[in-house]
Protein backbone atom coordinates (compact mmCIF):
# COMPACT_ATOMS: atom_id res chain seq x y z
CA MET A 1 0.00 0.00 0.00
CA THR A 2 1.47 3.36 -1.08
CA THR A 3 1.89 5.82 1.78
CA TYR A 4 2.84 9.50 1.69
CA VAL A 5 3.76 11.69 4.65
CA GLY A 6 3.44 15.42 5.20
CA ILE A 7 5.43 17.13 7.97
CA ASP A 8 4.75 20.73 8.98
CA VAL A 9 7.48 22.25 11.16
CA GLY A 10 6.59 25.44 12.99
CA GLY A 11 8.40 27.59 15.51
CA THR A 12 6.66 25.82 18.39
CA SER A 13 5.18 22.57 17.05
CA VAL A 14 5.59 19.85 14.45
CA ARG A 15 2.63 18.14 12.73
CA VAL A 16 2.68 14.83 10.85
CA LEU A 17 -0.04 13.53 8.53
CA ALA A 18 0.03 10.27 6.55
CA GLU A 19 -2.08 9.33 3.53
CA THR A 20 -2.79 5.96 1.92
CA PRO A 21 -5.22 5.06 -0.88
CA ASP A 22 -7.78 4.49 1.90
CA GLY A 23 -7.55 8.09 3.09
CA ARG A 24 -5.69 10.26 5.56
CA GLY A 25 -4.74 9.20 9.05
CA GLU A 26 -4.97 11.12 12.29
CA LEU A 27 -2.99 14.35 12.54
CA VAL A 28 -0.17 13.95 15.06
CA THR A 29 1.12 17.10 16.79
CA ALA A 30 3.99 17.58 19.24
CA PRO A 31 6.09 20.48 20.58
CA VAL A 32 9.04 20.90 18.25
CA ALA A 33 12.41 19.68 19.52
CA GLY A 34 15.09 22.16 20.53
CA SER A 35 18.11 20.94 18.59
CA TYR A 36 18.90 19.38 15.24
CA ASP A 37 19.72 15.89 16.48
CA ALA A 38 16.71 15.89 18.79
CA PHE A 39 14.52 16.99 15.88
CA LEU A 40 15.71 14.14 13.66
CA ALA A 41 14.98 11.69 16.44
CA GLN A 42 11.60 13.27 17.10
CA VAL A 43 10.41 13.04 13.49
CA THR A 44 11.67 9.47 13.26
CA THR A 45 9.64 8.58 16.35
CA LEU A 46 6.52 10.36 15.09
CA CYS A 47 6.73 8.41 11.83
CA ALA A 48 7.56 5.09 13.48
CA GLY A 49 4.04 3.71 13.14
CA ILE A 50 3.73 4.66 9.46
CA ALA A 51 4.50 2.15 6.73
CA ARG A 52 7.60 3.02 4.70
CA PRO A 53 6.45 6.05 2.68
CA ALA A 54 6.83 6.57 -1.05
CA GLY A 55 7.45 10.28 -0.49
CA VAL A 56 7.76 12.85 2.30
CA GLY A 57 7.12 16.59 2.18
CA ILE A 58 8.50 18.89 4.88
CA GLY A 59 7.30 22.47 5.34
CA LEU A 60 9.59 24.85 7.22
CA PRO A 61 9.12 28.36 8.65
CA GLY A 62 11.83 29.77 6.41
CA THR A 63 13.59 29.27 3.09
CA SER A 64 15.44 26.17 1.92
CA GLY A 65 17.49 24.97 -0.99
CA GLU A 66 16.82 21.55 -2.42
CA ASP A 67 18.96 19.90 0.24
CA ARG A 68 19.03 22.07 3.35
CA PRO A 69 17.34 24.97 5.16
CA VAL A 70 18.96 28.35 4.52
CA PHE A 71 17.15 30.94 6.66
CA VAL A 72 14.92 29.75 9.51
CA PRO A 73 14.99 32.45 12.20
CA ALA A 74 12.45 30.61 14.37
CA LEU A 75 14.67 27.47 14.45
CA PRO A 76 18.21 28.66 13.67
CA TRP A 77 19.73 25.28 14.51
CA LEU A 78 18.23 23.99 11.25
CA GLU A 79 20.12 26.46 9.07
CA GLY A 80 22.73 24.88 6.83
CA ARG A 81 22.07 21.34 8.06
CA PRO A 82 21.66 18.49 5.51
CA LEU A 83 18.03 17.94 6.45
CA ARG A 84 16.89 16.26 3.25
CA GLU A 85 19.74 13.73 3.24
CA ASP A 86 19.37 12.97 6.95
CA MET A 87 15.60 12.53 6.78
CA GLU A 88 15.84 10.34 3.67
CA ALA A 89 18.30 8.11 5.51
CA ARG A 90 16.01 7.82 8.52
CA LEU A 91 12.66 7.46 6.71
CA GLY A 92 13.85 5.54 3.65
CA ALA A 93 11.96 7.75 1.22
CA PRO A 94 12.49 10.76 -1.07
CA VAL A 95 12.09 14.04 0.84
CA ARG A 96 11.15 17.51 -0.42
CA LEU A 97 11.67 20.72 1.54
CA ALA A 98 9.51 23.81 1.10
CA LEU A 99 8.48 27.10 2.68
CA ASP A 100 5.45 26.62 4.91
CA GLY A 101 3.57 29.60 3.44
CA HIS A 102 3.88 28.12 -0.04
CA LEU A 103 2.46 24.84 1.20
CA THR A 104 -0.40 26.60 2.97
CA LEU A 105 -1.51 28.33 -0.23
CA LEU A 106 -1.00 25.11 -2.21
CA ALA A 107 -3.43 23.40 0.15
CA GLU A 108 -5.91 26.28 0.05
CA ALA A 109 -5.84 26.21 -3.75
CA ALA A 110 -6.41 22.45 -3.81
CA GLU A 111 -8.94 22.06 -1.00
CA GLY A 112 -9.69 25.39 0.65
CA ALA A 113 -10.73 28.99 0.14
CA ALA A 114 -8.76 29.45 -3.13
CA LYS A 115 -10.04 26.27 -4.77
CA GLY A 116 -10.68 26.90 -8.45
CA ALA A 117 -8.72 30.17 -8.51
CA ARG A 118 -5.95 30.63 -11.05
CA SER A 119 -4.39 33.46 -9.06
CA ALA A 120 -4.35 34.09 -5.34
CA VAL A 121 -2.28 35.63 -2.58
CA LEU A 122 -1.87 34.40 0.97
CA LEU A 123 -0.82 36.70 3.79
CA ALA A 124 -0.02 34.47 6.76
CA VAL A 125 -0.31 36.83 9.73
CA GLY A 126 0.87 35.41 13.01
CA THR A 127 4.03 35.98 15.01
CA GLY A 128 5.43 37.34 11.75
CA ILE A 129 4.04 37.88 8.27
CA GLY A 130 4.78 35.42 5.49
CA GLY A 131 2.73 34.09 2.66
CA ALA A 132 2.67 32.95 -0.93
CA LEU A 133 1.60 33.76 -4.46
CA LEU A 134 -0.38 31.58 -6.88
CA ILE A 135 0.02 32.43 -10.59
CA ASP A 136 -1.72 30.50 -13.37
CA GLY A 137 -2.63 27.78 -10.90
CA ARG A 138 0.91 27.21 -9.61
CA ILE A 139 2.82 28.47 -6.60
CA TRP A 140 5.48 30.98 -7.61
CA ARG A 141 8.43 30.10 -5.37
CA GLY A 142 10.93 32.68 -6.59
CA VAL A 143 14.55 32.13 -7.56
CA HIS A 144 15.63 31.75 -3.90
CA GLY A 145 12.48 30.03 -2.68
CA SER A 146 11.15 32.99 -0.68
CA ALA A 147 8.47 34.56 -2.92
CA GLY A 148 5.56 35.85 -0.86
CA SER A 149 7.62 37.19 2.03
CA TRP A 150 5.20 40.08 2.47
CA GLY A 151 6.68 40.99 5.85
CA TRP A 152 9.39 42.86 3.97
CA LEU A 153 7.01 45.36 2.38
CA PRO A 154 7.90 48.92 3.46
CA ALA A 155 5.82 50.34 6.32
CA ASP A 156 5.86 52.93 9.07
CA VAL A 157 6.77 51.00 12.19
CA PRO A 158 5.29 51.83 15.59
CA ASP A 159 6.90 50.40 18.73
CA SER A 160 6.87 46.66 18.19
CA PRO A 161 7.75 43.58 20.24
CA LEU A 162 9.77 42.55 17.19
CA ASP A 163 12.00 45.65 17.40
CA GLY A 164 14.86 44.01 19.39
CA PRO A 165 18.00 43.02 17.51
CA VAL A 166 17.30 43.26 13.80
CA HIS A 167 20.49 41.68 12.49
CA GLY A 168 21.04 37.97 12.70
CA PRO A 169 23.36 35.25 11.40
CA VAL A 170 22.48 36.10 7.80
CA HIS A 171 23.99 39.59 8.31
CA GLY A 172 20.80 41.47 7.59
CA PRO A 173 17.41 42.31 9.12
CA VAL A 174 15.53 39.39 10.61
CA HIS A 175 12.15 41.16 10.56
CA GLY A 176 10.86 43.33 7.73
CA SER A 177 9.17 46.64 8.46
CA PHE A 178 5.64 45.51 7.48
CA GLU A 179 6.05 42.48 9.73
CA ARG A 180 7.12 44.73 12.60
CA ALA A 181 4.19 47.07 11.96
CA ALA A 182 1.33 44.65 11.35
CA SER A 183 2.13 41.10 12.49
CA GLY A 184 0.15 39.46 15.24
CA SER A 185 3.04 40.28 17.55
CA SER A 186 2.34 43.99 17.04
CA LEU A 187 -1.24 43.46 18.27
CA ARG A 188 -0.67 43.32 22.00
CA ASP A 189 -3.01 41.01 23.92
CA GLY A 190 -4.67 40.06 20.64
CA PRO A 191 -7.14 37.37 21.81
CA ALA A 192 -8.51 39.58 24.59
CA LEU A 193 -8.74 42.53 22.21
CA MET A 194 -10.68 40.49 19.66
CA ALA A 195 -13.07 39.22 22.34
CA ALA A 196 -13.69 42.75 23.60
CA ALA A 197 -14.25 44.04 20.06
CA ARG A 198 -16.80 41.27 19.44
CA ALA A 199 -18.59 42.42 22.60
CA GLY A 200 -18.73 45.99 21.25
CA ASP A 201 -16.15 47.59 23.56
CA GLU A 202 -15.40 51.00 22.03
CA ARG A 203 -11.72 51.12 23.01
CA ALA A 204 -11.13 47.64 21.68
CA CYS A 205 -12.91 48.50 18.43
CA ALA A 206 -10.77 51.62 18.05
CA ALA A 207 -7.55 49.69 18.70
CA LEU A 208 -8.61 46.99 16.25
CA ASP A 209 -9.43 49.62 13.64
CA ALA A 210 -5.97 51.19 14.03
CA TYR A 211 -4.37 47.77 13.59
CA ALA A 212 -6.58 47.01 10.57
CA ALA A 213 -5.36 50.24 8.97
CA ARG A 214 -1.71 49.16 9.37
CA LEU A 215 -2.40 45.71 7.98
CA ALA A 216 -4.51 47.14 5.15
CA ARG A 217 -1.63 49.15 3.73
CA GLY A 218 0.24 45.96 2.90
CA VAL A 219 -2.87 44.14 1.71
CA ALA A 220 -3.71 47.10 -0.53
CA ALA A 221 -0.20 47.18 -1.96
CA VAL A 222 -0.41 43.49 -2.86
CA ALA A 223 -3.93 43.79 -4.26
CA SER A 224 -2.96 46.79 -6.38
CA THR A 225 0.31 45.48 -7.78
CA ILE A 226 -0.61 41.83 -8.32
CA ASP A 227 -4.38 42.05 -8.95
CA PRO A 228 -5.18 38.47 -7.90
CA GLU A 229 -8.60 36.85 -7.87
CA ILE A 230 -8.56 36.60 -4.07
CA ILE A 231 -6.40 37.47 -1.07
CA LEU A 232 -6.45 35.07 1.86
CA ILE A 233 -5.56 35.97 5.42
CA GLY A 234 -4.04 32.95 7.13
CA GLY A 235 -2.04 32.35 10.26
CA GLY A 236 -3.31 33.20 13.71
CA LEU A 237 -5.50 36.05 12.50
CA ALA A 238 -7.59 33.88 10.16
CA ASP A 239 -9.90 33.02 13.06
CA ALA A 240 -10.40 36.72 13.81
CA MET A 241 -11.64 37.72 10.37
CA ASP A 242 -15.24 37.85 11.59
CA VAL A 243 -14.36 40.98 13.55
CA LEU A 244 -11.20 42.10 11.71
CA GLY A 245 -12.50 41.59 8.17
CA PRO A 246 -14.91 44.57 7.93
CA PRO A 247 -12.44 47.26 9.08
CA LEU A 248 -9.67 45.63 7.07
CA GLN A 249 -11.72 45.68 3.86
CA ARG A 250 -12.75 49.28 4.53
CA HIS A 251 -9.13 50.41 4.92
CA VAL A 252 -8.01 48.39 1.89
CA ALA A 253 -10.56 50.40 -0.10
CA ARG A 254 -8.89 53.60 1.19
CA PHE A 255 -5.38 52.60 0.17
CA ALA A 256 -5.76 50.34 -2.89
CA SER A 257 -5.94 51.14 -6.58
CA PRO A 258 -9.40 51.11 -8.23
CA ASP A 259 -8.90 47.49 -9.29
CA GLY A 260 -7.22 46.59 -6.01
CA ARG A 261 -10.39 47.62 -4.18
CA ARG A 262 -12.28 44.94 -6.07
CA VAL A 263 -10.10 42.08 -4.83
CA PRO A 264 -11.94 40.16 -2.08
CA VAL A 265 -10.09 39.56 1.19
CA ARG A 266 -11.17 36.35 2.89
CA PRO A 267 -9.99 34.09 5.72
CA ALA A 268 -8.07 30.96 4.81
CA ALA A 269 -10.29 27.92 5.26
CA LEU A 270 -8.07 25.05 6.39
CA GLY A 271 -6.74 26.59 9.59
CA SER A 272 -3.72 25.05 11.26
CA ARG A 273 -3.98 21.92 9.06
CA ALA A 274 -3.14 23.78 5.85
CA GLY A 275 0.64 23.52 6.14
CA VAL A 276 0.70 19.79 6.76
CA VAL A 277 -1.86 19.18 3.99
CA GLY A 278 0.37 21.14 1.61
CA ALA A 279 3.39 19.12 2.71
CA LEU A 280 1.43 15.97 1.95
CA LEU A 281 0.55 17.30 -1.50
CA ILE A 282 4.19 17.87 -2.50
CA ALA A 283 5.09 14.43 -1.15
CA ARG A 284 2.84 12.79 -3.74
CA THR A 285 3.24 15.21 -6.67
CA GLU A 286 5.97 15.06 -9.29
CA GLU A 287 5.84 18.81 -9.91
CA TRP A 288 4.17 21.63 -8.03
């Protein structure tokens, strides 16, 4: 029986999903290990009950070459390590590495909110801001594998929890200005703020509106320059689009081009499963 495995590696957790011709198994989630060797052992253990796979896809919160991660600020111990070779040796199967935002949009285009679209943009808004771009039905990865890194759009930056040191081991900024201005990290006490805004609290609604205006500048820039069929908001803020969506769309209309104002902004549909579903898709696809 042919088995494929998708592995979604985040800054705090790792998810594993297997698929056979009979369907998909249970999603397995665990806190991500804290070192490279421990991570290899962890993934091997999580896959121990899965029949030898025909292919494995691994999504990472940063860019990779064909063989190894290059820039993974959330898990710097992965950078430069021969991850593909080591995982192939342990799992006995071909392994593909990819940026998690690309895999999220791949899954949304196949099974979620962008299904049927030939062009789409994902803004994954969580601790940072990443994302992806779908053109003519295919993910555009870029020459270095980092297309859709919307966090690097220019923006006016208020005080941000991401301010800190901005230069890391890659000898350049770790956080882009739009990410510092409009990521979930810039929205202090976000869950409580969303709950208060849903309850009609005026101060919370005003704070949410100010945040929506910051986020909308980047959304409007993407809508105006790329003109996709749809823009999806993923990441941690996808679940807040019931209360964030109306002010966000209103501010996008303020800042976008005439055609950019016509681009619908919707929540991603697959939630936290999207990355691991996308990893599964590249595990069983010759080209993507």
